[in-house]
N, C-alpha and C. Protein backbone atom coordinates (compact mmCIF):
# COMPACT_ATOMS: atom_id res chain seq x y z
N UNK A 1 169.70 128.07 23.29
CA UNK A 1 168.95 128.66 24.39
C UNK A 1 168.26 127.56 25.19
N UNK A 2 168.29 127.67 26.51
CA UNK A 2 167.66 126.68 27.38
C UNK A 2 166.15 126.63 27.13
N UNK A 3 165.59 125.45 26.95
CA UNK A 3 164.14 125.36 26.75
C UNK A 3 163.37 125.87 27.97
N UNK A 4 162.20 126.43 27.72
CA UNK A 4 161.30 126.85 28.79
C UNK A 4 160.56 125.62 29.29
N UNK A 5 160.60 125.37 30.60
CA UNK A 5 159.91 124.20 31.12
C UNK A 5 158.93 124.53 32.26
N UNK A 6 158.73 125.81 32.56
CA UNK A 6 157.73 126.23 33.54
C UNK A 6 157.17 127.58 33.11
N UNK A 7 155.89 127.82 33.42
CA UNK A 7 155.26 129.09 33.07
C UNK A 7 154.63 129.70 34.31
N UNK A 8 154.97 130.96 34.55
CA UNK A 8 154.39 131.76 35.62
C UNK A 8 153.45 132.77 34.98
N UNK A 9 152.26 132.90 35.57
CA UNK A 9 151.26 133.81 35.02
C UNK A 9 150.87 134.87 36.04
N UNK A 10 150.70 136.09 35.57
CA UNK A 10 149.91 137.08 36.29
C UNK A 10 148.45 136.65 36.15
N UNK A 11 147.56 137.23 36.97
CA UNK A 11 146.15 136.85 36.91
C UNK A 11 145.31 137.90 36.20
N UNK A 12 145.13 139.08 36.82
CA UNK A 12 144.28 140.12 36.24
C UNK A 12 144.87 140.65 34.94
N UNK A 13 144.04 140.70 33.91
CA UNK A 13 144.49 141.24 32.63
C UNK A 13 145.30 140.27 31.81
N UNK A 14 145.59 139.09 32.37
CA UNK A 14 146.38 138.08 31.68
C UNK A 14 145.57 136.81 31.46
N UNK A 15 145.06 136.25 32.55
CA UNK A 15 144.15 135.11 32.47
C UNK A 15 142.71 135.53 32.68
N UNK A 16 142.51 136.54 33.53
CA UNK A 16 141.16 137.02 33.86
C UNK A 16 140.88 138.36 33.22
N UNK A 17 139.74 138.46 32.56
CA UNK A 17 139.29 139.71 31.96
C UNK A 17 138.62 140.53 33.05
N UNK A 18 139.42 141.30 33.76
CA UNK A 18 138.95 142.01 34.96
C UNK A 18 139.08 143.52 34.85
N UNK A 19 139.47 144.03 33.71
CA UNK A 19 139.72 145.47 33.59
C UNK A 19 138.47 146.28 33.89
N UNK A 20 137.34 145.89 33.32
CA UNK A 20 136.11 146.64 33.56
C UNK A 20 135.71 146.56 35.03
N UNK A 21 135.84 145.40 35.65
CA UNK A 21 135.55 145.25 37.08
C UNK A 21 136.42 146.18 37.91
N UNK A 22 137.71 146.19 37.64
CA UNK A 22 138.65 147.01 38.41
C UNK A 22 138.32 148.49 38.25
N UNK A 23 138.02 148.91 37.03
CA UNK A 23 137.73 150.32 36.82
C UNK A 23 136.42 150.72 37.47
N UNK A 24 135.44 149.85 37.47
CA UNK A 24 134.17 150.15 38.16
C UNK A 24 134.41 150.33 39.66
N UNK A 25 135.23 149.48 40.23
CA UNK A 25 135.54 149.59 41.67
C UNK A 25 136.32 150.87 41.96
N UNK A 26 137.26 151.21 41.10
CA UNK A 26 138.02 152.44 41.24
C UNK A 26 137.11 153.66 41.21
N UNK A 27 136.26 153.74 40.21
CA UNK A 27 135.39 154.92 40.07
C UNK A 27 134.44 155.03 41.24
N UNK A 28 133.89 153.91 41.67
CA UNK A 28 132.97 153.92 42.82
C UNK A 28 133.69 154.40 44.08
N UNK A 29 134.89 153.91 44.30
CA UNK A 29 135.64 154.27 45.51
C UNK A 29 136.02 155.74 45.51
N UNK A 30 136.50 156.23 44.39
CA UNK A 30 136.90 157.64 44.32
C UNK A 30 135.71 158.56 44.48
N UNK A 31 134.60 158.24 43.81
CA UNK A 31 133.41 159.09 43.93
C UNK A 31 132.87 159.08 45.35
N UNK A 32 132.92 157.93 46.01
CA UNK A 32 132.42 157.82 47.38
C UNK A 32 133.24 158.66 48.35
N UNK A 33 134.55 158.64 48.22
CA UNK A 33 135.42 159.27 49.22
C UNK A 33 135.97 160.62 48.81
N UNK A 34 136.17 160.84 47.52
CA UNK A 34 136.75 162.11 47.07
C UNK A 34 135.70 163.04 46.45
N UNK A 35 134.52 162.49 46.16
CA UNK A 35 133.48 163.30 45.54
C UNK A 35 133.62 163.42 44.05
N UNK A 36 134.71 162.92 43.50
CA UNK A 36 134.94 162.93 42.06
C UNK A 36 135.96 161.84 41.76
N UNK A 37 136.06 161.49 40.50
CA UNK A 37 136.99 160.44 40.10
C UNK A 37 138.11 161.03 39.24
N UNK A 38 139.36 160.90 39.67
CA UNK A 38 140.46 161.34 38.81
C UNK A 38 140.44 160.58 37.49
N UNK A 39 141.15 161.05 36.49
CA UNK A 39 141.14 160.38 35.18
C UNK A 39 141.52 158.90 35.29
N UNK A 40 140.89 158.08 34.48
CA UNK A 40 141.16 156.65 34.49
C UNK A 40 142.65 156.33 34.32
N UNK A 41 143.32 157.16 33.54
CA UNK A 41 144.73 156.91 33.25
C UNK A 41 145.58 156.88 34.52
N UNK A 42 145.16 157.63 35.52
CA UNK A 42 145.93 157.67 36.77
C UNK A 42 145.88 156.33 37.50
N UNK A 43 144.76 155.63 37.37
CA UNK A 43 144.63 154.31 37.99
C UNK A 43 145.26 153.24 37.10
N UNK A 44 145.04 153.35 35.81
CA UNK A 44 145.58 152.37 34.87
C UNK A 44 147.09 152.28 34.94
N UNK A 45 147.74 153.38 35.22
CA UNK A 45 149.21 153.39 35.26
C UNK A 45 149.76 152.48 36.36
N UNK A 46 148.94 152.22 37.37
CA UNK A 46 149.38 151.37 38.47
C UNK A 46 148.90 149.94 38.38
N UNK A 47 148.22 149.58 37.28
CA UNK A 47 147.77 148.19 37.11
C UNK A 47 148.97 147.25 37.27
N UNK A 48 148.76 146.19 38.02
CA UNK A 48 149.84 145.22 38.24
C UNK A 48 150.55 145.41 39.55
N UNK A 49 150.20 146.46 40.30
CA UNK A 49 150.77 146.68 41.63
C UNK A 49 149.67 146.46 42.66
N UNK A 50 150.02 146.22 43.94
CA UNK A 50 149.00 145.92 44.95
C UNK A 50 147.98 147.04 45.13
N UNK A 51 146.74 146.64 45.44
CA UNK A 51 145.66 147.60 45.64
C UNK A 51 146.01 148.63 46.71
N UNK A 52 146.61 148.19 47.80
CA UNK A 52 146.94 149.12 48.89
C UNK A 52 147.88 150.22 48.41
N UNK A 53 148.82 149.87 47.55
CA UNK A 53 149.74 150.88 47.00
C UNK A 53 148.99 151.84 46.08
N UNK A 54 148.05 151.30 45.31
CA UNK A 54 147.25 152.13 44.43
C UNK A 54 146.41 153.14 45.22
N UNK A 55 145.69 152.64 46.20
CA UNK A 55 144.81 153.51 47.00
C UNK A 55 145.61 154.58 47.72
N UNK A 56 146.78 154.23 48.20
CA UNK A 56 147.60 155.18 48.97
C UNK A 56 147.97 156.41 48.14
N UNK A 57 147.95 156.29 46.84
CA UNK A 57 148.28 157.43 45.98
C UNK A 57 147.19 158.49 46.00
N UNK A 58 145.97 158.10 46.41
CA UNK A 58 144.82 159.00 46.35
C UNK A 58 144.30 159.41 47.73
N UNK A 59 144.48 158.55 48.72
CA UNK A 59 143.97 158.84 50.06
C UNK A 59 144.71 160.00 50.70
N UNK A 60 143.97 160.85 51.41
CA UNK A 60 144.56 162.05 52.00
C UNK A 60 144.99 161.85 53.45
N UNK A 61 144.48 160.84 54.09
CA UNK A 61 144.84 160.55 55.48
C UNK A 61 144.87 159.03 55.66
N UNK A 62 145.54 158.54 56.71
CA UNK A 62 145.53 157.10 56.97
C UNK A 62 144.12 156.54 57.16
N UNK A 63 143.25 157.28 57.85
CA UNK A 63 141.87 156.81 58.05
C UNK A 63 141.14 156.71 56.72
N UNK A 64 141.34 157.70 55.86
CA UNK A 64 140.68 157.66 54.56
C UNK A 64 141.23 156.50 53.73
N UNK A 65 142.50 156.24 53.86
CA UNK A 65 143.12 155.13 53.15
C UNK A 65 142.45 153.80 53.53
N UNK A 66 142.26 153.59 54.82
CA UNK A 66 141.61 152.36 55.28
C UNK A 66 140.16 152.29 54.79
N UNK A 67 139.47 153.41 54.85
CA UNK A 67 138.07 153.44 54.42
C UNK A 67 137.96 153.18 52.92
N UNK A 68 138.86 153.73 52.14
CA UNK A 68 138.83 153.53 50.69
C UNK A 68 139.11 152.07 50.33
N UNK A 69 140.04 151.46 51.03
CA UNK A 69 140.32 150.05 50.79
C UNK A 69 139.08 149.20 51.09
N UNK A 70 138.42 149.51 52.19
CA UNK A 70 137.21 148.78 52.58
C UNK A 70 136.12 148.94 51.52
N UNK A 71 135.91 150.16 51.06
CA UNK A 71 134.89 150.43 50.04
C UNK A 71 135.20 149.68 48.76
N UNK A 72 136.44 149.75 48.32
CA UNK A 72 136.83 149.08 47.08
C UNK A 72 136.59 147.58 47.18
N UNK A 73 137.04 146.98 48.27
CA UNK A 73 136.95 145.53 48.40
C UNK A 73 135.50 145.07 48.54
N UNK A 74 134.70 145.83 49.25
CA UNK A 74 133.28 145.47 49.38
C UNK A 74 132.59 145.54 48.02
N UNK A 75 132.89 146.58 47.25
CA UNK A 75 132.26 146.73 45.93
C UNK A 75 132.71 145.61 45.00
N UNK A 76 134.00 145.28 45.07
CA UNK A 76 134.51 144.20 44.23
C UNK A 76 133.86 142.86 44.60
N UNK A 77 133.74 142.59 45.89
CA UNK A 77 133.12 141.34 46.32
C UNK A 77 131.70 141.22 45.79
N UNK A 78 130.99 142.35 45.76
CA UNK A 78 129.59 142.33 45.30
C UNK A 78 129.49 142.08 43.79
N UNK A 79 130.51 142.47 43.05
CA UNK A 79 130.47 142.38 41.58
C UNK A 79 131.16 141.14 41.02
N UNK A 80 132.01 140.52 41.83
CA UNK A 80 132.96 139.54 41.30
C UNK A 80 132.30 138.40 40.53
N UNK A 81 131.23 137.84 41.07
CA UNK A 81 130.61 136.67 40.45
C UNK A 81 130.10 136.94 39.04
N UNK A 82 129.66 138.15 38.79
CA UNK A 82 129.07 138.46 37.48
C UNK A 82 130.01 139.24 36.56
N UNK A 83 131.03 139.89 37.12
CA UNK A 83 131.86 140.80 36.32
C UNK A 83 133.24 140.23 35.99
N UNK A 84 133.61 139.10 36.58
CA UNK A 84 134.93 138.52 36.33
C UNK A 84 134.79 137.30 35.43
N UNK A 85 135.61 137.25 34.36
CA UNK A 85 135.54 136.15 33.41
C UNK A 85 136.95 135.78 32.95
N UNK A 86 137.17 134.52 32.61
CA UNK A 86 138.46 134.17 32.02
C UNK A 86 138.51 134.67 30.58
N UNK A 87 139.69 135.00 30.11
CA UNK A 87 139.82 135.33 28.69
C UNK A 87 139.57 134.07 27.86
N UNK A 88 138.98 134.23 26.69
CA UNK A 88 138.76 133.07 25.82
C UNK A 88 140.08 132.35 25.54
N UNK A 89 140.05 131.05 25.69
CA UNK A 89 141.23 130.24 25.40
C UNK A 89 142.14 130.01 26.58
N UNK A 90 141.97 130.75 27.66
CA UNK A 90 142.90 130.63 28.79
C UNK A 90 142.88 129.23 29.39
N UNK A 91 141.70 128.70 29.65
CA UNK A 91 141.62 127.39 30.30
C UNK A 91 142.18 126.30 29.39
N UNK A 92 141.90 126.38 28.12
CA UNK A 92 142.38 125.36 27.18
C UNK A 92 143.91 125.35 27.11
N UNK A 93 144.52 126.52 27.14
CA UNK A 93 145.98 126.60 27.09
C UNK A 93 146.58 126.03 28.38
N UNK A 94 146.01 126.38 29.53
CA UNK A 94 146.51 125.86 30.80
C UNK A 94 146.38 124.33 30.83
N UNK A 95 145.27 123.82 30.34
CA UNK A 95 145.08 122.37 30.30
C UNK A 95 146.11 121.70 29.40
N UNK A 96 146.42 122.34 28.28
CA UNK A 96 147.42 121.79 27.36
C UNK A 96 148.80 121.79 28.00
N UNK A 97 149.15 122.87 28.69
CA UNK A 97 150.43 122.92 29.39
C UNK A 97 150.49 121.85 30.47
N UNK A 98 149.39 121.66 31.17
CA UNK A 98 149.34 120.65 32.23
C UNK A 98 149.55 119.25 31.65
N UNK A 99 148.93 118.98 30.51
CA UNK A 99 149.11 117.67 29.88
C UNK A 99 150.55 117.43 29.48
N UNK A 100 151.26 118.49 29.17
CA UNK A 100 152.68 118.37 28.81
C UNK A 100 153.57 118.23 30.05
N UNK A 101 152.99 118.36 31.23
CA UNK A 101 153.77 118.27 32.46
C UNK A 101 154.52 119.55 32.80
N UNK A 102 154.03 120.68 32.30
CA UNK A 102 154.68 121.97 32.55
C UNK A 102 154.21 122.52 33.90
N UNK A 103 155.10 122.76 34.85
CA UNK A 103 154.70 123.36 36.12
C UNK A 103 154.17 124.78 35.91
N UNK A 104 153.10 125.13 36.64
CA UNK A 104 152.45 126.42 36.47
C UNK A 104 152.32 127.13 37.82
N UNK A 105 152.47 128.44 37.79
CA UNK A 105 152.31 129.25 39.00
C UNK A 105 151.58 130.54 38.66
N UNK A 106 150.90 131.08 39.66
CA UNK A 106 150.32 132.42 39.60
C UNK A 106 151.20 133.35 40.43
N UNK A 107 151.54 134.51 39.86
CA UNK A 107 152.24 135.56 40.59
C UNK A 107 151.43 136.83 40.41
N UNK A 108 150.69 137.22 41.43
CA UNK A 108 149.71 138.29 41.29
C UNK A 108 149.85 139.34 42.38
N UNK A 109 149.33 140.52 42.12
CA UNK A 109 149.26 141.58 43.12
C UNK A 109 147.91 141.59 43.83
N UNK A 110 147.02 140.68 43.46
CA UNK A 110 145.73 140.53 44.13
C UNK A 110 145.93 139.74 45.43
N UNK A 111 145.22 140.09 46.49
CA UNK A 111 145.34 139.37 47.75
C UNK A 111 144.89 137.92 47.59
N UNK A 112 145.37 137.06 48.50
CA UNK A 112 145.16 135.63 48.34
C UNK A 112 143.68 135.23 48.30
N UNK A 113 142.89 135.71 49.25
CA UNK A 113 141.48 135.27 49.26
C UNK A 113 140.77 135.67 47.97
N UNK A 114 141.09 136.87 47.47
CA UNK A 114 140.46 137.34 46.23
C UNK A 114 141.00 136.58 45.02
N UNK A 115 142.29 136.22 45.06
CA UNK A 115 142.87 135.43 43.97
C UNK A 115 142.24 134.05 43.91
N UNK A 116 142.12 133.39 45.05
CA UNK A 116 141.53 132.05 45.07
C UNK A 116 140.08 132.08 44.60
N UNK A 117 139.35 133.08 45.06
CA UNK A 117 137.96 133.20 44.62
C UNK A 117 137.89 133.48 43.12
N UNK A 118 138.76 134.38 42.64
CA UNK A 118 138.78 134.70 41.21
C UNK A 118 139.14 133.50 40.35
N UNK A 119 140.11 132.71 40.78
CA UNK A 119 140.48 131.51 40.04
C UNK A 119 139.32 130.52 39.99
N UNK A 120 138.61 130.40 41.11
CA UNK A 120 137.45 129.50 41.14
C UNK A 120 136.36 129.98 40.18
N UNK A 121 136.06 131.29 40.22
CA UNK A 121 135.04 131.83 39.33
C UNK A 121 135.40 131.60 37.87
N UNK A 122 136.68 131.75 37.56
CA UNK A 122 137.14 131.59 36.17
C UNK A 122 137.35 130.13 35.78
N UNK A 123 137.23 129.21 36.75
CA UNK A 123 137.41 127.79 36.46
C UNK A 123 138.85 127.40 36.18
N UNK A 124 139.80 128.09 36.83
CA UNK A 124 141.22 127.86 36.54
C UNK A 124 142.01 127.30 37.72
N UNK A 125 141.39 127.14 38.86
CA UNK A 125 142.11 126.80 40.08
C UNK A 125 142.95 125.53 39.96
N UNK A 126 142.40 124.52 39.31
CA UNK A 126 143.03 123.20 39.34
C UNK A 126 144.37 123.14 38.62
N UNK A 127 144.68 124.15 37.85
CA UNK A 127 145.90 124.10 37.04
C UNK A 127 147.15 124.58 37.76
N UNK A 128 147.02 125.17 38.95
CA UNK A 128 148.16 125.85 39.54
C UNK A 128 148.64 125.17 40.82
N UNK A 129 149.90 124.76 40.80
CA UNK A 129 150.53 124.17 41.98
C UNK A 129 150.98 125.23 42.98
N UNK A 130 151.29 126.41 42.47
CA UNK A 130 151.87 127.48 43.30
C UNK A 130 151.12 128.78 43.01
N UNK A 131 150.75 129.50 44.07
CA UNK A 131 150.10 130.81 43.95
C UNK A 131 150.82 131.77 44.89
N UNK A 132 151.41 132.81 44.33
CA UNK A 132 152.14 133.81 45.11
C UNK A 132 151.36 135.12 45.07
N UNK A 133 151.06 135.66 46.25
CA UNK A 133 150.34 136.93 46.39
C UNK A 133 151.16 137.88 47.24
N UNK A 134 150.74 139.13 47.38
CA UNK A 134 151.53 140.08 48.19
C UNK A 134 151.72 139.66 49.65
N UNK A 135 150.81 138.82 50.18
CA UNK A 135 150.97 138.36 51.57
C UNK A 135 152.18 137.44 51.75
N UNK A 136 152.68 136.89 50.65
CA UNK A 136 153.78 135.93 50.73
C UNK A 136 155.16 136.58 50.70
N UNK A 137 155.22 137.87 50.43
CA UNK A 137 156.51 138.53 50.22
C UNK A 137 156.54 139.88 50.93
N UNK A 138 157.73 140.41 51.07
CA UNK A 138 157.87 141.77 51.59
C UNK A 138 157.73 142.81 50.49
N UNK A 139 158.18 142.44 49.29
CA UNK A 139 158.19 143.39 48.19
C UNK A 139 157.42 142.81 47.01
N UNK A 140 156.32 143.47 46.64
CA UNK A 140 155.49 143.00 45.53
C UNK A 140 156.08 143.45 44.19
N UNK A 141 155.49 142.95 43.10
CA UNK A 141 155.90 143.41 41.77
C UNK A 141 155.82 144.94 41.70
N UNK A 142 156.76 145.58 41.04
CA UNK A 142 157.75 145.07 40.08
C UNK A 142 159.04 144.52 40.69
N UNK A 143 159.13 144.43 42.00
CA UNK A 143 160.28 143.76 42.61
C UNK A 143 160.28 142.29 42.18
N UNK A 144 161.43 141.67 42.02
CA UNK A 144 161.48 140.27 41.58
C UNK A 144 161.12 139.26 42.67
N UNK A 145 160.98 139.69 43.93
CA UNK A 145 160.79 138.73 45.02
C UNK A 145 159.65 137.75 44.79
N UNK A 146 158.44 138.19 44.34
CA UNK A 146 157.37 137.21 44.14
C UNK A 146 157.70 136.17 43.07
N UNK A 147 158.37 136.60 42.02
CA UNK A 147 158.75 135.68 40.95
C UNK A 147 159.78 134.68 41.45
N UNK A 148 160.75 135.16 42.20
CA UNK A 148 161.78 134.28 42.74
C UNK A 148 161.19 133.25 43.70
N UNK A 149 160.21 133.66 44.50
CA UNK A 149 159.57 132.73 45.42
C UNK A 149 158.78 131.67 44.66
N UNK A 150 158.09 132.07 43.60
CA UNK A 150 157.37 131.10 42.78
C UNK A 150 158.32 130.08 42.16
N UNK A 151 159.44 130.55 41.67
CA UNK A 151 160.44 129.64 41.08
C UNK A 151 160.96 128.66 42.13
N UNK A 152 161.22 129.18 43.31
CA UNK A 152 161.72 128.32 44.39
C UNK A 152 160.70 127.22 44.72
N UNK A 153 159.44 127.59 44.81
CA UNK A 153 158.40 126.62 45.18
C UNK A 153 158.11 125.63 44.06
N UNK A 154 158.33 126.04 42.82
CA UNK A 154 158.19 125.12 41.70
C UNK A 154 159.41 124.23 41.53
N UNK A 155 160.54 124.66 42.09
CA UNK A 155 161.78 123.93 41.91
C UNK A 155 162.36 124.08 40.52
N UNK A 156 162.23 125.29 39.96
CA UNK A 156 162.65 125.57 38.59
C UNK A 156 163.63 126.74 38.60
N UNK A 157 164.68 126.65 37.80
CA UNK A 157 165.62 127.75 37.67
C UNK A 157 165.02 128.88 36.84
N UNK A 158 165.43 130.10 37.12
CA UNK A 158 164.86 131.26 36.43
C UNK A 158 165.02 131.17 34.92
N UNK A 159 166.19 130.70 34.45
CA UNK A 159 166.41 130.67 33.00
C UNK A 159 165.58 129.60 32.30
N UNK A 160 164.89 128.75 33.09
CA UNK A 160 164.03 127.73 32.51
C UNK A 160 162.55 128.14 32.51
N UNK A 161 162.28 129.37 32.95
CA UNK A 161 160.89 129.78 33.16
C UNK A 161 160.52 130.97 32.29
N UNK A 162 159.21 131.06 32.03
CA UNK A 162 158.62 132.19 31.31
C UNK A 162 157.59 132.84 32.22
N UNK A 163 157.67 134.17 32.36
CA UNK A 163 156.66 134.89 33.12
C UNK A 163 155.78 135.66 32.14
N UNK A 164 154.47 135.39 32.19
CA UNK A 164 153.51 135.97 31.26
C UNK A 164 152.65 136.97 32.02
N UNK A 165 152.61 138.22 31.54
CA UNK A 165 151.82 139.24 32.21
C UNK A 165 151.39 140.34 31.27
N UNK A 166 150.46 141.16 31.76
CA UNK A 166 149.89 142.21 30.92
C UNK A 166 150.50 143.57 31.17
N UNK A 167 151.30 143.73 32.23
CA UNK A 167 151.76 145.06 32.60
C UNK A 167 153.29 145.19 32.55
N UNK A 168 153.78 146.42 32.41
CA UNK A 168 155.23 146.64 32.50
C UNK A 168 155.80 146.18 33.83
N UNK A 169 154.98 146.19 34.90
CA UNK A 169 155.45 145.75 36.22
C UNK A 169 155.73 144.24 36.21
N UNK A 170 154.92 143.48 35.48
CA UNK A 170 155.18 142.05 35.35
C UNK A 170 156.49 141.81 34.61
N UNK A 171 156.66 142.51 33.53
CA UNK A 171 157.86 142.33 32.71
C UNK A 171 159.11 142.71 33.49
N UNK A 172 159.03 143.81 34.25
CA UNK A 172 160.18 144.23 35.06
C UNK A 172 160.50 143.20 36.13
N UNK A 173 159.47 142.65 36.77
CA UNK A 173 159.70 141.65 37.82
C UNK A 173 160.32 140.39 37.25
N UNK A 174 159.80 139.92 36.12
CA UNK A 174 160.35 138.73 35.51
C UNK A 174 161.78 138.91 35.05
N UNK A 175 162.06 140.04 34.42
CA UNK A 175 163.41 140.29 33.95
C UNK A 175 164.39 140.35 35.12
N UNK A 176 164.01 141.05 36.18
CA UNK A 176 164.89 141.18 37.34
C UNK A 176 165.13 139.83 38.02
N UNK A 177 164.15 138.93 37.92
CA UNK A 177 164.30 137.60 38.51
C UNK A 177 165.11 136.66 37.62
N UNK A 178 165.28 137.03 36.34
CA UNK A 178 166.07 136.21 35.43
C UNK A 178 165.27 135.28 34.55
N UNK A 179 163.92 135.44 34.54
CA UNK A 179 163.11 134.63 33.63
C UNK A 179 163.03 135.29 32.26
N UNK A 180 162.56 134.54 31.30
CA UNK A 180 162.12 135.16 30.08
C UNK A 180 160.71 135.72 30.30
N UNK A 181 160.35 136.73 29.54
CA UNK A 181 159.10 137.44 29.80
C UNK A 181 158.26 137.54 28.53
N UNK A 182 156.95 137.51 28.73
CA UNK A 182 156.01 137.68 27.62
C UNK A 182 154.96 138.68 28.03
N UNK A 183 154.79 139.73 27.24
CA UNK A 183 153.73 140.70 27.46
C UNK A 183 152.53 140.37 26.61
N UNK A 184 151.34 140.40 27.22
CA UNK A 184 150.13 140.04 26.47
C UNK A 184 149.42 141.30 25.98
N UNK A 185 148.93 141.23 24.76
CA UNK A 185 148.34 142.40 24.11
C UNK A 185 146.83 142.46 24.26
N UNK A 186 146.23 141.52 25.00
CA UNK A 186 144.78 141.56 25.19
C UNK A 186 144.40 142.23 26.52
N UNK A 187 145.37 142.68 27.31
CA UNK A 187 145.10 143.36 28.56
C UNK A 187 144.89 144.85 28.37
N UNK A 188 144.95 145.63 29.45
CA UNK A 188 144.63 147.06 29.37
C UNK A 188 145.75 147.94 28.84
N UNK A 189 146.97 147.42 28.73
CA UNK A 189 148.09 148.25 28.31
C UNK A 189 148.28 148.21 26.79
N UNK A 190 148.51 149.36 26.17
CA UNK A 190 148.71 149.39 24.72
C UNK A 190 150.05 148.77 24.33
N UNK A 191 150.13 148.37 23.07
CA UNK A 191 151.35 147.73 22.56
C UNK A 191 152.59 148.59 22.83
N UNK A 192 152.49 149.89 22.60
CA UNK A 192 153.65 150.78 22.76
C UNK A 192 154.19 150.71 24.19
N UNK A 193 153.30 150.70 25.16
CA UNK A 193 153.74 150.64 26.56
C UNK A 193 154.47 149.34 26.85
N UNK A 194 153.95 148.25 26.33
CA UNK A 194 154.60 146.96 26.54
C UNK A 194 155.91 146.87 25.77
N UNK A 195 155.94 147.38 24.56
CA UNK A 195 157.19 147.36 23.80
C UNK A 195 158.29 148.12 24.53
N UNK A 196 157.93 149.23 25.15
CA UNK A 196 158.92 150.01 25.90
C UNK A 196 159.47 149.26 27.12
N UNK A 197 158.66 148.32 27.63
CA UNK A 197 159.12 147.49 28.76
C UNK A 197 160.07 146.39 28.30
N UNK A 198 160.16 146.16 27.00
CA UNK A 198 161.12 145.24 26.36
C UNK A 198 160.99 143.80 26.84
N UNK A 199 159.79 143.19 26.72
CA UNK A 199 159.67 141.77 27.01
C UNK A 199 160.38 140.95 25.93
N UNK A 200 160.65 139.70 26.25
CA UNK A 200 161.26 138.81 25.25
C UNK A 200 160.26 138.48 24.14
N UNK A 201 158.99 138.43 24.50
CA UNK A 201 157.94 138.09 23.53
C UNK A 201 156.74 138.98 23.76
N UNK A 202 156.01 139.26 22.68
CA UNK A 202 154.70 139.88 22.76
C UNK A 202 153.69 138.90 22.20
N UNK A 203 152.61 138.67 22.94
CA UNK A 203 151.63 137.67 22.55
C UNK A 203 150.31 138.32 22.17
N UNK A 204 149.75 137.88 21.06
CA UNK A 204 148.45 138.37 20.61
C UNK A 204 147.33 137.40 20.94
N UNK A 205 147.68 136.14 21.24
CA UNK A 205 146.67 135.12 21.55
C UNK A 205 147.16 134.26 22.71
N UNK A 206 146.23 133.76 23.48
CA UNK A 206 146.59 132.89 24.60
C UNK A 206 147.43 131.69 24.15
N UNK A 207 147.05 131.07 23.02
CA UNK A 207 147.70 129.82 22.63
C UNK A 207 149.12 130.01 22.12
N UNK A 208 149.58 131.25 21.95
CA UNK A 208 150.96 131.46 21.52
C UNK A 208 151.95 131.02 22.59
N UNK A 209 151.51 130.92 23.84
CA UNK A 209 152.39 130.40 24.89
C UNK A 209 152.84 128.98 24.55
N UNK A 210 151.95 128.19 23.95
CA UNK A 210 152.27 126.79 23.66
C UNK A 210 153.43 126.67 22.69
N UNK A 211 153.63 127.65 21.83
CA UNK A 211 154.73 127.61 20.88
C UNK A 211 156.07 127.99 21.52
N UNK A 212 156.04 128.49 22.76
CA UNK A 212 157.27 128.91 23.42
C UNK A 212 157.80 127.86 24.39
N UNK A 213 156.96 126.90 24.73
CA UNK A 213 157.31 125.93 25.77
C UNK A 213 157.70 124.59 25.14
């Protein structure tokens, strides 16, 4: 089997412990505009896809859709500094990969300005040569386009890369792009959901990536 020589990471739920932040923003937005909050499971099912796609599932009109996006983003901006944290061990693993000369990329459904701010807050910015967000592509995850663009910018073939993410959408995107895939068990999705997505690897700790590269 070809050795893995590059690692692509999702951000939320993979490197950043943002589940509580995201759910707080969801509940606030729904209560503000709908007067009630649908079950958390309805939002969780879309984790890993762009916020605009998520909101569109709940908004009743185009105007409400725009207003809900504005409310969500404003609430997130107000909470980000105190509610967003890197997962334990994330920075150490990225630093170890960097020392080995392993090219690293972020492939996220978070918008660019929010991704850059989140990486800065988590102290992870310096490790990534390539950052792919929904603004860079026509089709976001689970489409393979963001993964393929990251590979192109890293100059790495798909079969030489590993895509690490917390959601079935990450695993689907990586598989469709031709990378090997790793589902992480410290994010919001249960083991059964990730097993059904059939990643090449399931990870219980951040440092298990080092054993694959």
